[in-house]
Amino acid sequence: MSTSTHSHAGSQQFPGNCTLEKALNTVVDVFHQYSVRKGLNDLLNLSELKTLLEEQVPSFLRTCNRNQAGYLDKLFQETDLNKDKEVSFEEFTIVLSKLADDAHRISHGSDRCGPDRD
């Protein structure tokens, strides 16, 4: 996959330079890098979601054996809320929330495989 930043024609980004605004723009840009297909934008199929995660968050997949066979298939099924075999950006935010929770646990030195303690 290309690492160049993609934006849809006429799309806008957060104008500010705050850290979180930059992070949100990056998340949208990464999603667009993998979701743009001829005639269909802003949706990921299973293969595209797998590629995105394998290329963009390999360390998270290795942790707790999340790179084991079947994990990404199950994650896709859980994330595809309307069962259309595509993941919209809104549905993709479910994956992002899991990644953010993992990153938070790791930042505290927690066992990210364990249940929430809060």
PDB file of N, CA and C in Angstrom:
ATOM      1  N   MET A   1       0.828  -1.175   0.000  1.00  0.00           N
ATOM      2  CA  MET A   1       0.000   0.000   0.000  1.00  0.00           C
ATOM      3  C   MET A   1       0.869   1.232   0.000  1.00  0.00           C
ATOM      4  N   SER A   2       0.446   2.236  -0.649  1.00  0.00           N
ATOM      5  CA  SER A   2       1.181   3.491  -0.698  1.00  0.00           C
ATOM      6  C   SER A   2       1.153   4.171   0.662  1.00  0.00           C
ATOM      7  N   THR A   3       2.256   4.803   0.984  1.00  0.00           N
ATOM      8  CA  THR A   3       2.296   5.525   2.247  1.00  0.00           C
ATOM      9  C   THR A   3       1.989   6.998   2.079  1.00  0.00           C
ATOM     10  N   SER A   4       1.644   7.408   0.871  1.00  0.00           N
ATOM     11  CA  SER A   4       1.315   8.810   0.656  1.00  0.00           C
ATOM     12  C   SER A   4      -0.045   9.115   1.265  1.00  0.00           C
ATOM     13  N   THR A   5      -0.204  10.353   1.646  1.00  0.00           N
ATOM     14  CA  THR A   5      -1.449  10.781   2.265  1.00  0.00           C
ATOM     15  C   THR A   5      -2.512  10.948   1.192  1.00  0.00           C
ATOM     16  N   HIS A   6      -3.679  10.403   1.445  1.00  0.00           N
ATOM     17  CA  HIS A   6      -4.796  10.510   0.504  1.00  0.00           C
ATOM     18  C   HIS A   6      -5.860  11.384   1.140  1.00  0.00           C
ATOM     19  N   SER A   7      -6.473  12.202   0.351  1.00  0.00           N
ATOM     20  CA  SER A   7      -7.649  12.930   0.816  1.00  0.00           C
ATOM     21  C   SER A   7      -8.657  12.953  -0.319  1.00  0.00           C
ATOM     22  N   HIS A   8      -9.904  12.901   0.055  1.00  0.00           N
ATOM     23  CA  HIS A   8     -10.967  12.942  -0.941  1.00  0.00           C
ATOM     24  C   HIS A   8     -11.076  14.351  -1.491  1.00  0.00           C
ATOM     25  N   ALA A   9     -11.492  14.446  -2.730  1.00  0.00           N
ATOM     26  CA  ALA A   9     -11.697  15.757  -3.343  1.00  0.00           C
ATOM     27  C   ALA A   9     -12.698  16.535  -2.504  1.00  0.00           C
ATOM     28  N   GLY A  10     -12.331  17.738  -2.173  1.00  0.00           N
ATOM     29  CA  GLY A  10     -13.222  18.585  -1.389  1.00  0.00           C
ATOM     30  C   GLY A  10     -13.223  18.293   0.095  1.00  0.00           C
ATOM     31  N   SER A  11     -12.430  17.327   0.541  1.00  0.00           N
ATOM     32  CA  SER A  11     -12.425  17.009   1.959  1.00  0.00           C
ATOM     33  C   SER A  11     -11.597  18.030   2.716  1.00  0.00           C
ATOM     34  N   GLN A  12     -11.881  18.156   3.983  1.00  0.00           N
ATOM     35  CA  GLN A  12     -11.162  19.087   4.835  1.00  0.00           C
ATOM     36  C   GLN A  12     -10.628  18.351   6.035  1.00  0.00           C
ATOM     37  N   GLN A  13      -9.622  18.924   6.653  1.00  0.00           N
ATOM     38  CA  GLN A  13      -9.073  18.371   7.869  1.00  0.00           C
ATOM     39  C   GLN A  13      -9.227  19.394   8.976  1.00  0.00           C
ATOM     40  N   PHE A  14      -9.030  18.938  10.218  1.00  0.00           N
ATOM     41  CA  PHE A  14      -9.018  19.880  11.321  1.00  0.00           C
ATOM     42  C   PHE A  14      -7.940  20.913  11.037  1.00  0.00           C
ATOM     43  N   PRO A  15      -8.255  22.183  11.168  1.00  0.00           N
ATOM     44  CA  PRO A  15      -7.289  23.216  10.794  1.00  0.00           C
ATOM     45  C   PRO A  15      -6.183  23.437  11.830  1.00  0.00           C
ATOM     46  N   GLY A  16      -6.373  22.991  13.041  1.00  0.00           N
ATOM     47  CA  GLY A  16      -5.429  23.310  14.105  1.00  0.00           C
ATOM     48  C   GLY A  16      -4.171  22.462  14.104  1.00  0.00           C
ATOM     49  N   ASN A  17      -3.263  22.868  14.948  1.00  0.00           N
ATOM     50  CA  ASN A  17      -2.005  22.154  15.101  1.00  0.00           C
ATOM     51  C   ASN A  17      -1.895  21.462  16.440  1.00  0.00           C
ATOM     52  N   CYS A  18      -2.997  21.275  17.118  1.00  0.00           N
ATOM     53  CA  CYS A  18      -2.978  20.579  18.404  1.00  0.00           C
ATOM     54  C   CYS A  18      -2.642  19.114  18.182  1.00  0.00           C
ATOM     55  N   THR A  19      -2.039  18.504  19.155  1.00  0.00           N
ATOM     56  CA  THR A  19      -1.603  17.119  19.038  1.00  0.00           C
ATOM     57  C   THR A  19      -2.747  16.178  18.684  1.00  0.00           C
ATOM     58  N   LEU A  20      -3.867  16.302  19.362  1.00  0.00           N
ATOM     59  CA  LEU A  20      -4.987  15.398  19.090  1.00  0.00           C
ATOM     60  C   LEU A  20      -5.589  15.656  17.717  1.00  0.00           C
ATOM     61  N   GLU A  21      -5.664  16.922  17.312  1.00  0.00           N
ATOM     62  CA  GLU A  21      -6.168  17.220  15.972  1.00  0.00           C
ATOM     63  C   GLU A  21      -5.271  16.587  14.909  1.00  0.00           C
ATOM     64  N   LYS A  22      -3.967  16.664  15.078  1.00  0.00           N
ATOM     65  CA  LYS A  22      -3.038  16.026  14.142  1.00  0.00           C
ATOM     66  C   LYS A  22      -3.245  14.518  14.132  1.00  0.00           C
ATOM     67  N   ALA A  23      -3.435  13.938  15.316  1.00  0.00           N
ATOM     68  CA  ALA A  23      -3.651  12.489  15.406  1.00  0.00           C
ATOM     69  C   ALA A  23      -4.941  12.086  14.687  1.00  0.00           C
ATOM     70  N   LEU A  24      -6.000  12.862  14.853  1.00  0.00           N
ATOM     71  CA  LEU A  24      -7.266  12.557  14.171  1.00  0.00           C
ATOM     72  C   LEU A  24      -7.107  12.645  12.662  1.00  0.00           C
ATOM     73  N   ASN A  25      -6.400  13.668  12.183  1.00  0.00           N
ATOM     74  CA  ASN A  25      -6.138  13.776  10.748  1.00  0.00           C
ATOM     75  C   ASN A  25      -5.354  12.570  10.248  1.00  0.00           C
ATOM     76  N   THR A  26      -4.390  12.121  11.019  1.00  0.00           N
ATOM     77  CA  THR A  26      -3.588  10.959  10.631  1.00  0.00           C
ATOM     78  C   THR A  26      -4.450   9.713  10.549  1.00  0.00           C
ATOM     79  N   VAL A  27      -5.324   9.515  11.526  1.00  0.00           N
ATOM     80  CA  VAL A  27      -6.213   8.348  11.524  1.00  0.00           C
ATOM     81  C   VAL A  27      -7.086   8.352  10.270  1.00  0.00           C
ATOM     82  N   VAL A  28      -7.657   9.493   9.936  1.00  0.00           N
ATOM     83  CA  VAL A  28      -8.499   9.594   8.747  1.00  0.00           C
ATOM     84  C   VAL A  28      -7.673   9.316   7.499  1.00  0.00           C
ATOM     85  N   ASP A  29      -6.481   9.901   7.425  1.00  0.00           N
ATOM     86  CA  ASP A  29      -5.614   9.683   6.258  1.00  0.00           C
ATOM     87  C   ASP A  29      -5.247   8.209   6.096  1.00  0.00           C
ATOM     88  N   VAL A  30      -4.892   7.551   7.182  1.00  0.00           N
ATOM     89  CA  VAL A  30      -4.535   6.125   7.106  1.00  0.00           C
ATOM     90  C   VAL A  30      -5.735   5.314   6.639  1.00  0.00           C
ATOM     91  N   PHE A  31      -6.907   5.569   7.199  1.00  0.00           N
ATOM     92  CA  PHE A  31      -8.114   4.860   6.758  1.00  0.00           C
ATOM     93  C   PHE A  31      -8.312   5.038   5.259  1.00  0.00           C
ATOM     94  N   HIS A  32      -8.158   6.266   4.767  1.00  0.00           N
ATOM     95  CA  HIS A  32      -8.349   6.537   3.339  1.00  0.00           C
ATOM     96  C   HIS A  32      -7.319   5.821   2.473  1.00  0.00           C
ATOM     97  N   GLN A  33      -6.107   5.647   2.961  1.00  0.00           N
ATOM     98  CA  GLN A  33      -5.084   4.938   2.188  1.00  0.00           C
ATOM     99  C   GLN A  33      -5.528   3.518   1.861  1.00  0.00           C
ATOM    100  N   TYR A  34      -6.282   2.912   2.740  1.00  0.00           N
ATOM    101  CA  TYR A  34      -6.678   1.513   2.567  1.00  0.00           C
ATOM    102  C   TYR A  34      -8.117   1.352   2.076  1.00  0.00           C
ATOM    103  N   SER A  35      -8.939   2.384   2.204  1.00  0.00           N
ATOM    104  CA  SER A  35     -10.360   2.240   1.862  1.00  0.00           C
ATOM    105  C   SER A  35     -10.699   2.693   0.452  1.00  0.00           C
ATOM    106  N   VAL A  36      -9.778   3.293  -0.235  1.00  0.00           N
ATOM    107  CA  VAL A  36     -10.086   3.826  -1.558  1.00  0.00           C
ATOM    108  C   VAL A  36      -9.919   2.743  -2.610  1.00  0.00           C
ATOM    109  N   ARG A  37     -11.034   2.385  -3.218  1.00  0.00           N
ATOM    110  CA  ARG A  37     -11.052   1.422  -4.314  1.00  0.00           C
ATOM    111  C   ARG A  37     -11.821   2.027  -5.451  1.00  0.00           C
ATOM    112  N   LYS A  38     -11.585   1.553  -6.626  1.00  0.00           N
ATOM    113  CA  LYS A  38     -12.283   2.070  -7.806  1.00  0.00           C
ATOM    114  C   LYS A  38     -13.791   1.952  -7.604  1.00  0.00           C
ATOM    115  N   GLY A  39     -14.451   3.099  -7.660  1.00  0.00           N
ATOM    116  CA  GLY A  39     -15.904   3.123  -7.565  1.00  0.00           C
ATOM    117  C   GLY A  39     -16.467   2.999  -6.158  1.00  0.00           C
ATOM    118  N   LEU A  40     -15.624   2.814  -5.162  1.00  0.00           N
ATOM    119  CA  LEU A  40     -16.129   2.639  -3.805  1.00  0.00           C
ATOM    120  C   LEU A  40     -15.142   3.244  -2.825  1.00  0.00           C
ATOM    121  N   ASN A  41     -15.583   4.213  -2.069  1.00  0.00           N
ATOM    122  CA  ASN A  41     -14.717   4.890  -1.111  1.00  0.00           C
ATOM    123  C   ASN A  41     -15.233   4.730   0.307  1.00  0.00           C
ATOM    124  N   ASP A  42     -14.329   4.897   1.223  1.00  0.00           N
ATOM    125  CA  ASP A  42     -14.645   4.939   2.646  1.00  0.00           C
ATOM    126  C   ASP A  42     -15.237   3.653   3.207  1.00  0.00           C
ATOM    127  N   LEU A  43     -14.883   2.523   2.620  1.00  0.00           N
ATOM    128  CA  LEU A  43     -15.266   1.229   3.156  1.00  0.00           C
ATOM    129  C   LEU A  43     -14.063   0.300   3.070  1.00  0.00           C
ATOM    130  N   LEU A  44     -13.923  -0.561   4.063  1.00  0.00           N
ATOM    131  CA  LEU A  44     -12.873  -1.575   4.050  1.00  0.00           C
ATOM    132  C   LEU A  44     -13.514  -2.947   3.990  1.00  0.00           C
ATOM    133  N   ASN A  45     -13.025  -3.795   3.097  1.00  0.00           N
ATOM    134  CA  ASN A  45     -13.438  -5.186   3.151  1.00  0.00           C
ATOM    135  C   ASN A  45     -12.485  -5.915   4.092  1.00  0.00           C
ATOM    136  N   LEU A  46     -12.691  -7.184   4.297  1.00  0.00           N
ATOM    137  CA  LEU A  46     -11.872  -7.949   5.233  1.00  0.00           C
ATOM    138  C   LEU A  46     -10.398  -7.891   4.860  1.00  0.00           C
ATOM    139  N   SER A  47     -10.088  -8.091   3.601  1.00  0.00           N
ATOM    140  CA  SER A  47      -8.697  -8.081   3.150  1.00  0.00           C
ATOM    141  C   SER A  47      -8.029  -6.732   3.408  1.00  0.00           C
ATOM    142  N   GLU A  48      -8.749  -5.654   3.132  1.00  0.00           N
ATOM    143  CA  GLU A  48      -8.196  -4.317   3.337  1.00  0.00           C
ATOM    144  C   GLU A  48      -7.982  -4.016   4.815  1.00  0.00           C
ATOM    145  N   LEU A  49      -8.931  -4.441   5.661  1.00  0.00           N
ATOM    146  CA  LEU A  49      -8.766  -4.233   7.101  1.00  0.00           C
ATOM    147  C   LEU A  49      -7.550  -5.005   7.610  1.00  0.00           C
ATOM    148  N   LYS A  50      -7.413  -6.251   7.157  1.00  0.00           N
ATOM    149  CA  LYS A  50      -6.259  -7.047   7.566  1.00  0.00           C
ATOM    150  C   LYS A  50      -4.960  -6.371   7.148  1.00  0.00           C
ATOM    151  N   THR A  51      -4.897  -5.911   5.908  1.00  0.00           N
ATOM    152  CA  THR A  51      -3.690  -5.257   5.408  1.00  0.00           C
ATOM    153  C   THR A  51      -3.389  -4.003   6.212  1.00  0.00           C
ATOM    154  N   LEU A  52      -4.409  -3.175   6.465  1.00  0.00           N
ATOM    155  CA  LEU A  52      -4.224  -1.960   7.252  1.00  0.00           C
ATOM    156  C   LEU A  52      -3.611  -2.298   8.608  1.00  0.00           C
ATOM    157  N   LEU A  53      -4.200  -3.243   9.314  1.00  0.00           N
ATOM    158  CA  LEU A  53      -3.720  -3.577  10.654  1.00  0.00           C
ATOM    159  C   LEU A  53      -2.339  -4.225  10.622  1.00  0.00           C
ATOM    160  N   GLU A  54      -2.112  -5.115   9.669  1.00  0.00           N
ATOM    161  CA  GLU A  54      -0.814  -5.777   9.587  1.00  0.00           C
ATOM    162  C   GLU A  54       0.305  -4.795   9.257  1.00  0.00           C
ATOM    163  N   GLU A  55       0.001  -3.775   8.448  1.00  0.00           N
ATOM    164  CA  GLU A  55       1.020  -2.796   8.061  1.00  0.00           C
ATOM    165  C   GLU A  55       1.144  -1.640   9.048  1.00  0.00           C
ATOM    166  N   GLN A  56       0.054  -1.261   9.697  1.00  0.00           N
ATOM    167  CA  GLN A  56       0.064  -0.067  10.533  1.00  0.00           C
ATOM    168  C   GLN A  56       0.208  -0.328  12.028  1.00  0.00           C
ATOM    169  N   VAL A  57      -0.172  -1.516  12.502  1.00  0.00           N
ATOM    170  CA  VAL A  57      -0.073  -1.805  13.944  1.00  0.00           C
ATOM    171  C   VAL A  57       0.449  -3.222  14.210  1.00  0.00           C
ATOM    172  N   PRO A  58       1.563  -3.593  13.595  1.00  0.00           N
ATOM    173  CA  PRO A  58       2.064  -4.962  13.765  1.00  0.00           C
ATOM    174  C   PRO A  58       2.425  -5.296  15.209  1.00  0.00           C
ATOM    175  N   SER A  59       2.909  -4.338  15.971  1.00  0.00           N
ATOM    176  CA  SER A  59       3.278  -4.606  17.365  1.00  0.00           C
ATOM    177  C   SER A  59       2.057  -4.968  18.201  1.00  0.00           C
ATOM    178  N   PHE A  60       0.939  -4.287  17.949  1.00  0.00           N
ATOM    179  CA  PHE A  60      -0.281  -4.597  18.688  1.00  0.00           C
ATOM    180  C   PHE A  60      -0.790  -5.993  18.338  1.00  0.00           C
ATOM    181  N   LEU A  61      -0.624  -6.385  17.092  1.00  0.00           N
ATOM    182  CA  LEU A  61      -1.091  -7.709  16.690  1.00  0.00           C
ATOM    183  C   LEU A  61      -0.249  -8.818  17.315  1.00  0.00           C
ATOM    184  N   ARG A  62       1.023  -8.561  17.491  1.00  0.00           N
ATOM    185  CA  ARG A  62       1.894  -9.577  18.104  1.00  0.00           C
ATOM    186  C   ARG A  62       1.633  -9.729  19.596  1.00  0.00           C
ATOM    187  N   THR A  63       1.241  -8.645  20.235  1.00  0.00           N
ATOM    188  CA  THR A  63       0.982  -8.682  21.665  1.00  0.00           C
ATOM    189  C   THR A  63      -0.248  -9.543  21.928  1.00  0.00           C
ATOM    190  N   CYS A  64      -0.162 -10.390  22.904  1.00  0.00           N
ATOM    191  CA  CYS A  64      -1.278 -11.268  23.301  1.00  0.00           C
ATOM    192  C   CYS A  64      -1.726 -12.192  22.178  1.00  0.00           C
ATOM    193  N   ASN A  65      -0.839 -12.480  21.241  1.00  0.00           N
ATOM    194  CA  ASN A  65      -1.145 -13.394  20.145  1.00  0.00           C
ATOM    195  C   ASN A  65      -2.350 -12.964  19.323  1.00  0.00           C
ATOM    196  N   ARG A  66      -2.520 -11.678  19.160  1.00  0.00           N
ATOM    197  CA  ARG A  66      -3.631 -11.181  18.339  1.00  0.00           C
ATOM    198  C   ARG A  66      -3.366 -11.393  16.859  1.00  0.00           C
ATOM    199  N   ASN A  67      -2.183 -11.892  16.545  1.00  0.00           N
ATOM    200  CA  ASN A  67      -1.877 -12.213  15.147  1.00  0.00           C
ATOM    201  C   ASN A  67      -2.154 -13.678  14.841  1.00  0.00           C
ATOM    202  N   GLN A  68      -2.793 -14.371  15.776  1.00  0.00           N
ATOM    203  CA  GLN A  68      -3.119 -15.782  15.546  1.00  0.00           C
ATOM    204  C   GLN A  68      -4.216 -15.917  14.495  1.00  0.00           C
ATOM    205  N   ALA A  69      -4.228 -17.056  13.858  1.00  0.00           N
ATOM    206  CA  ALA A  69      -5.220 -17.323  12.814  1.00  0.00           C
ATOM    207  C   ALA A  69      -6.627 -17.120  13.359  1.00  0.00           C
ATOM    208  N   GLY A  70      -7.440 -16.415  12.616  1.00  0.00           N
ATOM    209  CA  GLY A  70      -8.840 -16.227  12.983  1.00  0.00           C
ATOM    210  C   GLY A  70      -9.128 -14.967  13.772  1.00  0.00           C
ATOM    211  N   TYR A  71      -8.113 -14.363  14.418  1.00  0.00           N
ATOM    212  CA  TYR A  71      -8.383 -13.176  15.234  1.00  0.00           C
ATOM    213  C   TYR A  71      -8.936 -12.029  14.393  1.00  0.00           C
ATOM    214  N   LEU A  72      -8.275 -11.734  13.270  1.00  0.00           N
ATOM    215  CA  LEU A  72      -8.718 -10.608  12.445  1.00  0.00           C
ATOM    216  C   LEU A  72     -10.067 -10.878  11.795  1.00  0.00           C
ATOM    217  N   ASP A  73     -10.341 -12.133  11.451  1.00  0.00           N
ATOM    218  CA  ASP A  73     -11.661 -12.478  10.915  1.00  0.00           C
ATOM    219  C   ASP A  73     -12.745 -12.199  11.955  1.00  0.00           C
ATOM    220  N   LYS A  74     -12.477 -12.598  13.198  1.00  0.00           N
ATOM    221  CA  LYS A  74     -13.439 -12.377  14.283  1.00  0.00           C
ATOM    222  C   LYS A  74     -13.609 -10.884  14.554  1.00  0.00           C
ATOM    223  N   LEU A  75     -12.492 -10.142  14.560  1.00  0.00           N
ATOM    224  CA  LEU A  75     -12.552  -8.707  14.777  1.00  0.00           C
ATOM    225  C   LEU A  75     -13.392  -8.039  13.689  1.00  0.00           C
ATOM    226  N   PHE A  76     -13.194  -8.457  12.445  1.00  0.00           N
ATOM    227  CA  PHE A  76     -13.978  -7.906  11.333  1.00  0.00           C
ATOM    228  C   PHE A  76     -15.461  -8.181  11.539  1.00  0.00           C
ATOM    229  N   GLN A  77     -15.803  -9.410  11.888  1.00  0.00           N
ATOM    230  CA  GLN A  77     -17.209  -9.761  12.086  1.00  0.00           C
ATOM    231  C   GLN A  77     -17.834  -8.947  13.213  1.00  0.00           C
ATOM    232  N   GLU A  78     -17.077  -8.732  14.300  1.00  0.00           N
ATOM    233  CA  GLU A  78     -17.582  -7.940  15.430  1.00  0.00           C
ATOM    234  C   GLU A  78     -17.733  -6.472  15.057  1.00  0.00           C
ATOM    235  N   THR A  79     -16.856  -5.987  14.187  1.00  0.00           N
ATOM    236  CA  THR A  79     -16.831  -4.580  13.820  1.00  0.00           C
ATOM    237  C   THR A  79     -17.865  -4.240  12.747  1.00  0.00           C
ATOM    238  N   ASP A  80     -18.159  -5.176  11.870  1.00  0.00           N
ATOM    239  CA  ASP A  80     -19.127  -4.967  10.785  1.00  0.00           C
ATOM    240  C   ASP A  80     -20.538  -5.046  11.365  1.00  0.00           C
ATOM    241  N   LEU A  81     -20.956  -3.969  11.997  1.00  0.00           N
ATOM    242  CA  LEU A  81     -22.215  -3.964  12.745  1.00  0.00           C
ATOM    243  C   LEU A  81     -23.437  -4.212  11.876  1.00  0.00           C
ATOM    244  N   ASN A  82     -23.448  -3.684  10.651  1.00  0.00           N
ATOM    245  CA  ASN A  82     -24.617  -3.869   9.790  1.00  0.00           C
ATOM    246  C   ASN A  82     -24.504  -5.100   8.894  1.00  0.00           C
ATOM    247  N   LYS A  83     -23.440  -5.857   9.067  1.00  0.00           N
ATOM    248  CA  LYS A  83     -23.220  -7.144   8.377  1.00  0.00           C
ATOM    249  C   LYS A  83     -23.273  -7.034   6.855  1.00  0.00           C
ATOM    250  N   ASP A  84     -22.707  -5.932   6.329  1.00  0.00           N
ATOM    251  CA  ASP A  84     -22.669  -5.760   4.880  1.00  0.00           C
ATOM    252  C   ASP A  84     -21.333  -6.185   4.266  1.00  0.00           C
ATOM    253  N   LYS A  85     -20.490  -6.820   5.088  1.00  0.00           N
ATOM    254  CA  LYS A  85     -19.169  -7.310   4.657  1.00  0.00           C
ATOM    255  C   LYS A  85     -18.230  -6.170   4.263  1.00  0.00           C
ATOM    256  N   GLU A  86     -18.497  -4.990   4.818  1.00  0.00           N
ATOM    257  CA  GLU A  86     -17.660  -3.806   4.648  1.00  0.00           C
ATOM    258  C   GLU A  86     -17.617  -3.090   5.996  1.00  0.00           C
ATOM    259  N   VAL A  87     -16.496  -2.427   6.260  1.00  0.00           N
ATOM    260  CA  VAL A  87     -16.375  -1.651   7.492  1.00  0.00           C
ATOM    261  C   VAL A  87     -16.293  -0.177   7.111  1.00  0.00           C
ATOM    262  N   SER A  88     -17.260   0.582   7.582  1.00  0.00           N
ATOM    263  CA  SER A  88     -17.261   2.023   7.360  1.00  0.00           C
ATOM    264  C   SER A  88     -16.276   2.662   8.339  1.00  0.00           C
ATOM    265  N   PHE A  89     -16.012   3.947   8.155  1.00  0.00           N
ATOM    266  CA  PHE A  89     -15.118   4.623   9.099  1.00  0.00           C
ATOM    267  C   PHE A  89     -15.715   4.580  10.500  1.00  0.00           C
ATOM    268  N   GLU A  90     -17.020   4.794  10.600  1.00  0.00           N
ATOM    269  CA  GLU A  90     -17.662   4.753  11.912  1.00  0.00           C
ATOM    270  C   GLU A  90     -17.462   3.380  12.571  1.00  0.00           C
ATOM    271  N   GLU A  91     -17.631   2.319  11.809  1.00  0.00           N
ATOM    272  CA  GLU A  91     -17.404   0.982  12.359  1.00  0.00           C
ATOM    273  C   GLU A  91     -15.919   0.783  12.695  1.00  0.00           C
ATOM    274  N   PHE A  92     -15.032   1.364  11.889  1.00  0.00           N
ATOM    275  CA  PHE A  92     -13.597   1.269  12.132  1.00  0.00           C
ATOM    276  C   PHE A  92     -13.206   1.901  13.462  1.00  0.00           C
ATOM    277  N   THR A  93     -13.987   2.873  13.927  1.00  0.00           N
ATOM    278  CA  THR A  93     -13.662   3.492  15.215  1.00  0.00           C
ATOM    279  C   THR A  93     -13.746   2.485  16.364  1.00  0.00           C
ATOM    280  N   ILE A  94     -14.464   1.400  16.184  1.00  0.00           N
ATOM    281  CA  ILE A  94     -14.493   0.332  17.195  1.00  0.00           C
ATOM    282  C   ILE A  94     -13.100  -0.285  17.316  1.00  0.00           C
ATOM    283  N   VAL A  95     -12.472  -0.541  16.172  1.00  0.00           N
ATOM    284  CA  VAL A  95     -11.112  -1.076  16.160  1.00  0.00           C
ATOM    285  C   VAL A  95     -10.169  -0.064  16.802  1.00  0.00           C
ATOM    286  N   LEU A  96     -10.324   1.211  16.452  1.00  0.00           N
ATOM    287  CA  LEU A  96      -9.472   2.254  17.025  1.00  0.00           C
ATOM    288  C   LEU A  96      -9.604   2.316  18.538  1.00  0.00           C
ATOM    289  N   SER A  97     -10.808   2.149  19.030  1.00  0.00           N
ATOM    290  CA  SER A  97     -10.994   2.199  20.478  1.00  0.00           C
ATOM    291  C   SER A  97     -10.286   1.036  21.161  1.00  0.00           C
ATOM    292  N   LYS A  98     -10.284  -0.129  20.526  1.00  0.00           N
ATOM    293  CA  LYS A  98      -9.555  -1.279  21.077  1.00  0.00           C
ATOM    294  C   LYS A  98      -8.051  -1.009  21.065  1.00  0.00           C
ATOM    295  N   LEU A  99      -7.548  -0.417  19.982  1.00  0.00           N
ATOM    296  CA  LEU A  99      -6.131  -0.090  19.891  1.00  0.00           C
ATOM    297  C   LEU A  99      -5.751   0.969  20.920  1.00  0.00           C
ATOM    298  N   ALA A 100      -6.603   1.984  21.085  1.00  0.00           N
ATOM    299  CA  ALA A 100      -6.325   3.038  22.058  1.00  0.00           C
ATOM    300  C   ALA A 100      -6.315   2.471  23.473  1.00  0.00           C
ATOM    301  N   ASP A 101      -7.242   1.563  23.769  1.00  0.00           N
ATOM    302  CA  ASP A 101      -7.276   0.926  25.083  1.00  0.00           C
ATOM    303  C   ASP A 101      -6.010   0.104  25.311  1.00  0.00           C
ATOM    304  N   ASP A 102      -5.574  -0.633  24.293  1.00  0.00           N
ATOM    305  CA  ASP A 102      -4.320  -1.392  24.395  1.00  0.00           C
ATOM    306  C   ASP A 102      -3.147  -0.453  24.661  1.00  0.00           C
ATOM    307  N   ALA A 103      -3.069   0.648  23.905  1.00  0.00           N
ATOM    308  CA  ALA A 103      -1.971   1.602  24.076  1.00  0.00           C
ATOM    309  C   ALA A 103      -1.984   2.195  25.481  1.00  0.00           C
ATOM    310  N   HIS A 104      -3.156   2.478  26.009  1.00  0.00           N
ATOM    311  CA  HIS A 104      -3.268   3.032  27.354  1.00  0.00           C
ATOM    312  C   HIS A 104      -2.780   2.033  28.388  1.00  0.00           C
ATOM    313  N   ARG A 105      -3.196   0.788  28.250  1.00  0.00           N
ATOM    314  CA  ARG A 105      -2.744  -0.250  29.197  1.00  0.00           C
ATOM    315  C   ARG A 105      -1.226  -0.404  29.148  1.00  0.00           C
ATOM    316  N   ILE A 106      -0.675  -0.423  27.931  1.00  0.00           N
ATOM    317  CA  ILE A 106       0.767  -0.566  27.770  1.00  0.00           C
ATOM    318  C   ILE A 106       1.493   0.614  28.407  1.00  0.00           C
ATOM    319  N   SER A 107       0.942   1.824  28.263  1.00  0.00           N
ATOM    320  CA  SER A 107       1.583   3.012  28.837  1.00  0.00           C
ATOM    321  C   SER A 107       1.694   2.928  30.354  1.00  0.00           C
ATOM    322  N   HIS A 108       0.818   2.161  30.988  1.00  0.00           N
ATOM    323  CA  HIS A 108       0.839   1.985  32.435  1.00  0.00           C
ATOM    324  C   HIS A 108       1.552   0.698  32.842  1.00  0.00           C
ATOM    325  N   GLY A 109       2.086  -0.006  31.872  1.00  0.00           N
ATOM    326  CA  GLY A 109       2.760  -1.258  32.180  1.00  0.00           C
ATOM    327  C   GLY A 109       1.806  -2.368  32.563  1.00  0.00           C
ATOM    328  N   SER A 110       0.542  -2.219  32.212  1.00  0.00           N
ATOM    329  CA  SER A 110      -0.476  -3.212  32.555  1.00  0.00           C
ATOM    330  C   SER A 110      -0.398  -4.410  31.640  1.00  0.00           C
ATOM    331  N   ASP A 111      -0.942  -5.529  32.113  1.00  0.00           N
ATOM    332  CA  ASP A 111      -1.084  -6.709  31.271  1.00  0.00           C
ATOM    333  C   ASP A 111      -2.301  -6.460  30.387  1.00  0.00           C
ATOM    334  N   ARG A 112      -2.048  -6.141  29.129  1.00  0.00           N
ATOM    335  CA  ARG A 112      -3.151  -5.773  28.253  1.00  0.00           C
ATOM    336  C   ARG A 112      -4.046  -6.950  27.917  1.00  0.00           C
ATOM    337  N   CYS A 113      -3.598  -8.146  28.258  1.00  0.00           N
ATOM    338  CA  CYS A 113      -4.439  -9.319  28.000  1.00  0.00           C
ATOM    339  C   CYS A 113      -5.492  -9.509  29.090  1.00  0.00           C
ATOM    340  N   GLY A 114      -5.282  -8.897  30.209  1.00  0.00           N
ATOM    341  CA  GLY A 114      -6.204  -9.077  31.332  1.00  0.00           C
ATOM    342  C   GLY A 114      -7.437  -8.233  31.213  1.00  0.00           C
ATOM    343  N   PRO A 115      -8.403  -8.464  32.087  1.00  0.00           N
ATOM    344  CA  PRO A 115      -9.646  -7.673  32.059  1.00  0.00           C
ATOM    345  C   PRO A 115      -9.389  -6.255  32.574  1.00  0.00           C
ATOM    346  N   ASP A 116     -10.313  -5.349  32.235  1.00  0.00           N
ATOM    347  CA  ASP A 116     -10.219  -3.991  32.761  1.00  0.00           C
ATOM    348  C   ASP A 116     -10.244  -4.022  34.278  1.00  0.00           C
ATOM    349  N   ARG A 117      -9.465  -3.132  34.869  1.00  0.00           N
ATOM    350  CA  ARG A 117      -9.429  -3.055  36.323  1.00  0.00           C
ATOM    351  C   ARG A 117     -10.115  -1.803  36.834  1.00  0.00           C
ATOM    352  N   ASP A 118     -10.658  -1.013  35.932  1.00  0.00           N
ATOM    353  CA  ASP A 118     -11.288   0.236  36.380  1.00  0.00           C
ATOM    354  C   ASP A 118     -12.764   0.252  36.134  1.00  0.00           C
TER     355      ASP A 118
END
